[in-house]
N, C-alpha and C. Protein backbone atom coordinates (compact mmCIF):
# COMPACT_ATOMS: atom_id res chain seq x y z
N MET A 1 5.49 -27.38 -11.08
CA MET A 1 5.76 -26.39 -12.10
C MET A 1 4.80 -25.23 -11.96
N LYS A 2 5.31 -24.03 -12.08
CA LYS A 2 4.51 -22.82 -11.92
C LYS A 2 3.85 -22.46 -13.25
N LEU A 3 2.53 -22.20 -13.21
CA LEU A 3 1.81 -21.84 -14.42
C LEU A 3 2.04 -20.38 -14.77
N PRO A 4 1.95 -20.04 -16.05
CA PRO A 4 2.06 -18.63 -16.43
C PRO A 4 0.92 -17.81 -15.84
N LYS A 5 1.12 -16.51 -15.75
CA LYS A 5 0.16 -15.61 -15.14
C LYS A 5 -1.21 -15.68 -15.82
N GLU A 6 -1.23 -15.85 -17.13
CA GLU A 6 -2.49 -15.86 -17.88
C GLU A 6 -3.35 -17.08 -17.55
N LEU A 7 -2.72 -18.19 -17.14
CA LEU A 7 -3.45 -19.42 -16.90
C LEU A 7 -3.84 -19.64 -15.44
N ARG A 8 -3.28 -18.84 -14.54
CA ARG A 8 -3.59 -19.02 -13.12
C ARG A 8 -4.94 -18.43 -12.76
N GLU A 9 -5.51 -18.91 -11.69
CA GLU A 9 -6.78 -18.40 -11.18
C GLU A 9 -6.57 -17.01 -10.60
N LYS A 10 -7.63 -16.19 -10.58
CA LYS A 10 -7.51 -14.85 -10.02
C LYS A 10 -7.18 -14.89 -8.54
N SER A 11 -7.69 -15.85 -7.81
CA SER A 11 -7.40 -15.94 -6.38
C SER A 11 -5.94 -16.26 -6.11
N ASP A 12 -5.29 -16.95 -7.06
CA ASP A 12 -3.88 -17.27 -6.90
C ASP A 12 -2.99 -16.05 -7.14
N LEU A 13 -3.48 -15.07 -7.88
CA LEU A 13 -2.67 -13.90 -8.23
C LEU A 13 -2.60 -12.88 -7.11
N SER A 14 -3.58 -12.84 -6.22
CA SER A 14 -3.55 -11.84 -5.15
C SER A 14 -2.49 -12.25 -4.14
N GLY A 15 -1.48 -11.40 -3.98
CA GLY A 15 -0.31 -11.74 -3.18
C GLY A 15 -0.59 -11.85 -1.70
N THR A 16 -1.21 -10.82 -1.09
CA THR A 16 -1.36 -10.83 0.37
C THR A 16 -2.50 -11.73 0.83
N ALA A 17 -3.53 -11.88 0.01
CA ALA A 17 -4.65 -12.72 0.43
C ALA A 17 -4.23 -14.19 0.50
N SER A 18 -3.34 -14.58 -0.41
CA SER A 18 -2.91 -15.98 -0.41
C SER A 18 -1.96 -16.27 0.75
N LYS A 19 -1.32 -15.24 1.30
CA LYS A 19 -0.40 -15.44 2.41
C LYS A 19 -1.12 -15.46 3.76
N GLY A 20 -2.42 -15.19 3.78
CA GLY A 20 -3.18 -15.28 5.01
C GLY A 20 -3.06 -14.07 5.91
N LYS A 21 -2.75 -12.90 5.38
CA LYS A 21 -2.66 -11.70 6.19
C LYS A 21 -4.06 -11.17 6.46
N ILE A 22 -4.24 -10.59 7.64
CA ILE A 22 -5.54 -10.01 7.98
C ILE A 22 -5.39 -8.49 8.04
N CYS A 23 -6.50 -7.82 7.99
CA CYS A 23 -6.54 -6.36 7.97
C CYS A 23 -5.93 -5.80 9.26
N SER A 24 -5.17 -4.71 9.12
CA SER A 24 -4.49 -4.10 10.27
C SER A 24 -5.39 -3.18 11.09
N VAL A 25 -6.60 -2.93 10.63
CA VAL A 25 -7.52 -2.06 11.36
C VAL A 25 -8.07 -2.83 12.56
N LYS A 26 -8.12 -2.14 13.71
CA LYS A 26 -8.63 -2.80 14.93
C LYS A 26 -10.07 -3.24 14.72
N GLU A 27 -10.39 -4.41 15.25
CA GLU A 27 -11.71 -5.02 15.20
C GLU A 27 -12.16 -5.35 13.78
N CYS A 28 -11.23 -5.60 12.89
CA CYS A 28 -11.56 -6.06 11.54
C CYS A 28 -10.79 -7.36 11.32
N GLY A 29 -11.47 -8.40 10.96
CA GLY A 29 -10.82 -9.69 10.79
C GLY A 29 -10.82 -10.19 9.37
N GLU A 30 -11.10 -9.32 8.41
CA GLU A 30 -11.15 -9.75 7.01
C GLU A 30 -9.74 -9.94 6.45
N SER A 31 -9.65 -10.69 5.36
CA SER A 31 -8.34 -10.90 4.75
C SER A 31 -7.91 -9.66 3.98
N ALA A 32 -6.62 -9.39 4.01
CA ALA A 32 -6.08 -8.17 3.39
C ALA A 32 -5.89 -8.39 1.89
N ILE A 33 -6.15 -7.31 1.13
CA ILE A 33 -5.90 -7.35 -0.31
C ILE A 33 -4.72 -6.47 -0.68
N ARG A 34 -4.29 -5.58 0.23
CA ARG A 34 -3.18 -4.66 -0.04
C ARG A 34 -2.22 -4.64 1.14
N SER A 35 -0.94 -4.56 0.83
CA SER A 35 0.06 -4.29 1.86
C SER A 35 0.74 -2.99 1.47
N LEU A 36 0.71 -2.03 2.38
CA LEU A 36 1.17 -0.69 2.08
C LEU A 36 2.29 -0.29 3.04
N SER A 37 3.12 0.64 2.60
CA SER A 37 4.21 1.13 3.43
C SER A 37 3.66 1.96 4.59
N GLU A 38 4.12 1.67 5.79
CA GLU A 38 3.64 2.40 6.97
C GLU A 38 4.08 3.86 6.93
N ASN A 39 5.26 4.13 6.38
CA ASN A 39 5.76 5.50 6.32
C ASN A 39 4.86 6.39 5.47
N LYS A 40 4.39 5.89 4.36
CA LYS A 40 3.61 6.70 3.43
C LYS A 40 2.12 6.73 3.78
N TRP A 41 1.59 5.65 4.33
CA TRP A 41 0.15 5.53 4.48
C TRP A 41 -0.37 5.73 5.89
N SER A 42 0.49 5.84 6.91
CA SER A 42 -0.02 5.94 8.28
C SER A 42 -0.79 7.24 8.49
N LYS A 43 -0.30 8.35 7.93
CA LYS A 43 -1.00 9.62 8.08
C LYS A 43 -2.33 9.62 7.35
N VAL A 44 -2.36 8.97 6.20
CA VAL A 44 -3.61 8.89 5.43
C VAL A 44 -4.65 8.08 6.20
N CYS A 45 -4.22 6.99 6.82
CA CYS A 45 -5.14 6.16 7.59
C CYS A 45 -5.66 6.90 8.83
N GLU A 46 -4.82 7.72 9.44
CA GLU A 46 -5.26 8.51 10.60
C GLU A 46 -6.32 9.51 10.18
N LYS A 47 -6.14 10.17 9.04
CA LYS A 47 -7.12 11.14 8.55
C LYS A 47 -8.44 10.47 8.18
N ALA A 48 -8.38 9.20 7.77
CA ALA A 48 -9.58 8.45 7.42
C ALA A 48 -10.22 7.80 8.65
N ASN A 49 -9.72 8.12 9.84
CA ASN A 49 -10.23 7.59 11.12
C ASN A 49 -10.15 6.07 11.21
N LEU A 50 -9.04 5.51 10.72
CA LEU A 50 -8.81 4.07 10.82
C LEU A 50 -7.80 3.84 11.94
N MET A 51 -8.21 3.13 12.98
CA MET A 51 -7.33 2.82 14.11
C MET A 51 -6.55 1.55 13.76
N LEU A 52 -5.23 1.66 13.65
CA LEU A 52 -4.40 0.55 13.20
C LEU A 52 -3.75 -0.18 14.37
N ASN A 53 -3.57 -1.48 14.20
CA ASN A 53 -2.82 -2.28 15.16
C ASN A 53 -1.33 -2.06 14.93
N GLU A 54 -0.52 -2.24 15.97
CA GLU A 54 0.92 -2.12 15.84
C GLU A 54 1.45 -3.30 15.02
N ASN A 55 2.47 -3.03 14.19
CA ASN A 55 3.01 -4.07 13.34
C ASN A 55 4.53 -3.90 13.27
N ARG A 56 5.26 -4.98 13.50
CA ARG A 56 6.72 -4.92 13.48
C ARG A 56 7.27 -4.89 12.06
N LEU A 57 6.48 -5.29 11.08
CA LEU A 57 6.96 -5.38 9.71
C LEU A 57 6.99 -4.03 9.00
N ARG A 58 6.48 -2.97 9.64
CA ARG A 58 6.40 -1.63 9.04
C ARG A 58 5.53 -1.63 7.80
N LYS A 59 4.52 -2.49 7.81
CA LYS A 59 3.56 -2.58 6.71
C LYS A 59 2.16 -2.41 7.27
N ILE A 60 1.28 -1.89 6.45
CA ILE A 60 -0.14 -1.79 6.79
C ILE A 60 -0.88 -2.70 5.84
N PHE A 61 -1.63 -3.63 6.38
CA PHE A 61 -2.42 -4.54 5.57
C PHE A 61 -3.88 -4.10 5.65
N LEU A 62 -4.53 -3.88 4.50
CA LEU A 62 -5.90 -3.39 4.49
C LEU A 62 -6.79 -4.30 3.66
N CYS A 63 -8.01 -4.49 4.15
CA CYS A 63 -9.02 -5.23 3.39
C CYS A 63 -9.59 -4.29 2.33
N LYS A 64 -10.48 -4.81 1.51
CA LYS A 64 -11.02 -4.03 0.39
C LYS A 64 -11.78 -2.80 0.87
N LYS A 65 -12.58 -2.95 1.90
CA LYS A 65 -13.39 -1.85 2.42
C LYS A 65 -12.53 -0.72 2.98
N HIS A 66 -11.55 -1.07 3.81
CA HIS A 66 -10.71 -0.06 4.44
C HIS A 66 -9.72 0.57 3.45
N TYR A 67 -9.27 -0.20 2.46
CA TYR A 67 -8.39 0.37 1.44
C TYR A 67 -9.14 1.41 0.63
N LYS A 68 -10.40 1.15 0.36
CA LYS A 68 -11.22 2.09 -0.40
C LYS A 68 -11.37 3.41 0.36
N GLU A 69 -11.60 3.33 1.68
CA GLU A 69 -11.72 4.53 2.51
C GLU A 69 -10.42 5.32 2.53
N ALA A 70 -9.30 4.62 2.73
CA ALA A 70 -8.00 5.30 2.81
C ALA A 70 -7.63 5.91 1.46
N ASN A 71 -7.93 5.23 0.39
CA ASN A 71 -7.59 5.73 -0.94
C ASN A 71 -8.40 6.98 -1.28
N LYS A 72 -9.66 7.02 -0.86
CA LYS A 72 -10.48 8.22 -1.06
C LYS A 72 -9.87 9.41 -0.34
N MET A 73 -9.40 9.20 0.88
CA MET A 73 -8.79 10.27 1.65
C MET A 73 -7.48 10.73 0.99
N ARG A 74 -6.70 9.79 0.50
CA ARG A 74 -5.43 10.14 -0.16
C ARG A 74 -5.68 10.97 -1.41
N LYS A 75 -6.67 10.58 -2.20
CA LYS A 75 -6.96 11.31 -3.43
C LYS A 75 -7.50 12.71 -3.14
N SER A 76 -8.32 12.85 -2.10
CA SER A 76 -8.84 14.18 -1.77
C SER A 76 -7.71 15.09 -1.27
N ASP A 77 -6.74 14.53 -0.53
CA ASP A 77 -5.59 15.30 -0.08
C ASP A 77 -4.73 15.75 -1.27
N GLU A 78 -4.56 14.87 -2.24
CA GLU A 78 -3.75 15.21 -3.42
C GLU A 78 -4.39 16.34 -4.21
N LYS A 79 -5.71 16.36 -4.28
CA LYS A 79 -6.39 17.41 -5.02
C LYS A 79 -6.17 18.77 -4.37
N LEU A 80 -6.10 18.80 -3.05
CA LEU A 80 -5.89 20.06 -2.34
C LEU A 80 -4.46 20.58 -2.53
N ILE A 81 -3.53 19.67 -2.69
CA ILE A 81 -2.12 20.05 -2.80
C ILE A 81 -1.74 20.47 -4.22
N GLN A 82 -2.46 19.97 -5.22
CA GLN A 82 -2.11 20.25 -6.61
C GLN A 82 -2.10 21.73 -6.91
N LYS A 83 -1.26 22.12 -7.80
CA LYS A 83 -1.21 23.50 -8.24
C LYS A 83 -2.45 23.80 -9.08
N LYS A 84 -2.99 24.96 -8.90
CA LYS A 84 -4.17 25.36 -9.67
C LYS A 84 -3.79 25.97 -11.01
N GLY A 85 -2.58 26.42 -11.17
CA GLY A 85 -2.14 26.96 -12.44
C GLY A 85 -0.64 27.12 -12.44
N PHE A 86 -0.07 27.14 -13.60
CA PHE A 86 1.38 27.22 -13.66
C PHE A 86 1.88 28.65 -13.57
N LEU A 87 1.02 29.64 -13.69
CA LEU A 87 1.46 31.03 -13.66
C LEU A 87 1.46 31.64 -12.27
N GLU A 88 0.87 30.97 -11.29
CA GLU A 88 0.75 31.55 -9.95
C GLU A 88 2.10 31.80 -9.30
N ASP A 89 3.05 30.91 -9.49
CA ASP A 89 4.33 31.05 -8.81
C ASP A 89 5.47 31.38 -9.77
N SER A 90 5.14 31.76 -10.98
CA SER A 90 6.22 32.03 -11.93
C SER A 90 6.74 33.44 -11.72
N THR A 91 8.03 33.56 -11.70
CA THR A 91 8.70 34.86 -11.56
C THR A 91 9.73 34.98 -12.66
N SER A 92 9.27 34.84 -13.88
CA SER A 92 10.20 34.85 -14.99
C SER A 92 10.58 36.28 -15.34
N THR A 93 11.74 36.41 -15.91
CA THR A 93 12.19 37.73 -16.37
C THR A 93 11.84 37.88 -17.83
N LYS A 94 11.66 39.11 -18.22
CA LYS A 94 11.31 39.39 -19.61
C LYS A 94 12.53 39.16 -20.50
N ARG A 95 12.28 38.57 -21.60
CA ARG A 95 13.35 38.37 -22.57
C ARG A 95 12.89 38.91 -23.90
N GLY A 96 13.67 39.72 -24.46
CA GLY A 96 13.34 40.29 -25.76
C GLY A 96 14.35 41.35 -26.12
N LYS A 97 14.14 41.98 -27.23
CA LYS A 97 15.13 42.95 -27.67
C LYS A 97 14.97 44.29 -26.96
N TRP A 98 13.90 44.52 -26.21
CA TRP A 98 13.66 45.81 -25.56
C TRP A 98 14.09 45.81 -24.08
N ASP A 99 14.67 44.74 -23.60
CA ASP A 99 15.09 44.68 -22.19
C ASP A 99 16.39 45.35 -21.92
């Protein structure tokens, strides 16, 4: 019988660690805590200088240390892309009774 989520151990709740996956970064043998989509995260990992092993599952498995590095790079990229203000690209037309 499966126990409810509240009663299970924390180690039982981590999905990829319990399945025995290892980190996809070359020369890293730690157990993975995250499985990420290769389409979305491969560019982020390249910018973070993480050399990845080839994987047929189209997933990237990262340990805690490498996920932290990749996530920092992703967040810094998002900050650069964000709009600095909503008025910069607005080309609204005037509306009023004097138009």
